[in-house]
Structure formats: structure tokens, C-alpha cells
Amino acid sequence: MDISTEVYHRICFPLYGLPYVKRGKYIVIDRQKLSYLTTHEKINCMYCGYGNGLLHYLSAIAGESEKYWCGITHAKHAGVLIQDQQKNFLPYGDKKAFDEFVKK
């Protein structure tokens, strides 16, 4: 997942004219340096830092792609949370706003 998304990110973002998402803002592996953790705890912390950071990083790449290709919010559904990247998207069902977006 990491490699395939990074290949997409490095090839497609320049083609779309999108700035790269900074990996270091999302994936931080530093808790293994804490002397009071056991070896087992340090490994767990490294795994979580990488795994959770990677998912956040991949979400940021997907969000930038979604904004570029289709910056429209989803229709409201009971119990479904609005994704962070969609908070500035075009309103669902607003054809005029979409037409103006496409012209840009």
C-alpha cells in the first residue's frame, strides 16, 4: 500500500500540477528513543507510529486527489462523518458552483 501510493503520488501529482504531500508531517517514528520503554514497547510504538502515520498520509494523498478530480461533498447520510478534506468542497447538488469550478 505504501509503495503503490507513493509511486502514484510521485508520478501523478506533478502531472496534475499538485504539490507533494510531505510524508514527514504524517509519519513520525521517535518513541523508541524513550529509555523507560521496554524493547517490546518500543517495537509496538514504532509499528503504531508508522501504521497510523501512513494511513493519515495516504488519506491526505487521496484527499488531494479527490479535491482535484471531484471537489464535491457527499450527500448527507445519517451517522456518516464528513471527511476533513471535504469541508471546503463544493456543495452537493450545486451545478452552478461545479460549472464554475470546471472552468478554472
Protein backbone atom coordinates (compact mmCIF):
# COMPACT_ATOMS: atom_id res chain seq x y z
CA MET A 1 0.00 0.00 0.00
CA ASP A 2 2.80 2.38 0.93
CA ILE A 3 4.86 1.71 -2.20
CA SER A 4 1.99 1.77 -4.69
CA THR A 5 0.57 5.00 -3.28
CA GLU A 6 4.00 6.62 -3.27
CA VAL A 7 4.52 5.66 -6.93
CA TYR A 8 1.14 7.24 -7.78
CA HIS A 9 1.99 10.31 -5.67
CA ARG A 10 5.41 10.88 -7.28
CA ILE A 11 4.25 10.31 -10.86
CA CYS A 12 0.74 11.74 -10.97
CA PHE A 13 0.92 14.78 -8.70
CA PRO A 14 3.44 16.59 -10.96
CA LEU A 15 1.28 15.71 -13.98
CA TYR A 16 -1.77 17.25 -12.27
CA GLY A 17 0.23 20.26 -11.07
CA LEU A 18 -0.38 19.35 -7.42
CA PRO A 19 2.23 19.94 -4.71
CA TYR A 20 3.61 16.87 -3.00
CA VAL A 21 2.16 15.90 0.38
CA LYS A 22 5.01 15.98 2.91
CA ARG A 23 5.46 12.49 4.30
CA GLY A 24 7.33 13.72 7.38
CA LYS A 25 4.27 15.66 8.54
CA TYR A 26 2.39 12.38 8.96
CA ILE A 27 4.83 9.57 9.70
CA VAL A 28 6.90 10.11 12.83
CA ILE A 29 8.85 7.29 14.42
CA ASP A 30 10.58 8.55 17.55
CA ARG A 31 9.10 6.92 20.65
CA GLN A 32 11.61 4.05 20.54
CA LYS A 33 14.15 6.57 21.85
CA LEU A 34 12.40 6.72 25.22
CA SER A 35 14.64 4.94 27.68
CA TYR A 36 11.82 3.91 30.02
CA LEU A 37 10.13 1.70 27.40
CA THR A 38 10.94 -1.98 27.13
CA THR A 39 12.15 -3.39 23.81
CA HIS A 40 8.71 -4.86 23.20
CA GLU A 41 7.01 -1.49 23.90
CA LYS A 42 9.48 0.31 21.62
CA ILE A 43 8.67 -2.07 18.75
CA ASN A 44 4.95 -1.56 19.35
CA CYS A 45 5.40 2.21 19.36
CA MET A 46 7.39 2.12 16.11
CA TYR A 47 4.68 -0.01 14.49
CA CYS A 48 1.90 2.33 15.61
CA GLY A 49 3.82 5.46 14.63
CA TYR A 50 4.40 4.07 11.16
CA GLY A 51 0.99 2.43 10.68
CA ASN A 52 -1.17 5.29 11.90
CA GLY A 53 1.05 7.90 10.28
CA LEU A 54 0.96 6.00 6.98
CA LEU A 55 -2.83 5.82 6.99
CA HIS A 56 -3.06 9.56 7.68
CA TYR A 57 -0.51 10.24 4.91
CA LEU A 58 -2.39 8.05 2.41
CA SER A 59 -5.62 9.78 3.38
CA ALA A 60 -4.00 13.17 2.69
CA ILE A 61 -2.86 12.00 -0.78
CA ALA A 62 -6.31 10.59 -1.54
CA GLY A 63 -7.92 13.79 -0.27
CA GLU A 64 -5.79 15.98 -2.53
CA SER A 65 -6.63 13.71 -5.46
CA GLU A 66 -10.34 13.87 -4.62
CA LYS A 67 -10.20 17.66 -4.35
CA TYR A 68 -8.52 17.87 -7.77
CA TRP A 69 -10.82 15.46 -9.59
CA CYS A 70 -14.14 15.93 -7.85
CA GLY A 71 -14.26 18.54 -5.10
CA ILE A 72 -17.92 17.94 -4.27
CA THR A 73 -19.15 16.98 -0.82
CA HIS A 74 -21.18 13.81 -0.46
CA ALA A 75 -24.89 13.96 0.25
CA LYS A 76 -25.63 13.89 3.96
CA HIS A 77 -26.21 10.42 5.34
CA ALA A 78 -27.25 9.69 8.91
CA GLY A 79 -24.27 8.71 11.04
CA VAL A 80 -21.63 9.36 8.36
CA LEU A 81 -18.91 11.83 9.31
CA ILE A 82 -17.77 14.48 6.86
CA GLN A 83 -14.15 13.85 5.93
CA ASP A 84 -11.77 16.68 6.81
CA GLN A 85 -10.69 17.29 3.22
CA GLN A 86 -14.33 17.71 2.14
CA LYS A 87 -15.07 20.64 4.43
CA ASN A 88 -14.08 23.11 1.69
CA PHE A 89 -15.55 21.14 -1.20
CA LEU A 90 -18.40 22.31 -3.39
CA PRO A 91 -21.90 21.74 -2.03
CA TYR A 92 -23.66 18.55 -3.09
CA GLY A 93 -26.13 19.26 -5.90
CA ASP A 94 -24.86 22.79 -6.72
CA LYS A 95 -24.44 22.62 -10.51
CA LYS A 96 -23.60 26.31 -10.85
CA ALA A 97 -20.70 26.05 -8.38
CA PHE A 98 -19.48 22.90 -10.13
CA ASP A 99 -19.58 24.56 -13.58
CA GLU A 100 -17.52 27.48 -12.23
CA PHE A 101 -15.05 25.02 -10.68
CA VAL A 102 -14.63 23.17 -14.00
CA LYS A 103 -13.95 26.45 -15.87
CA LYS A 104 -10.96 27.11 -13.59
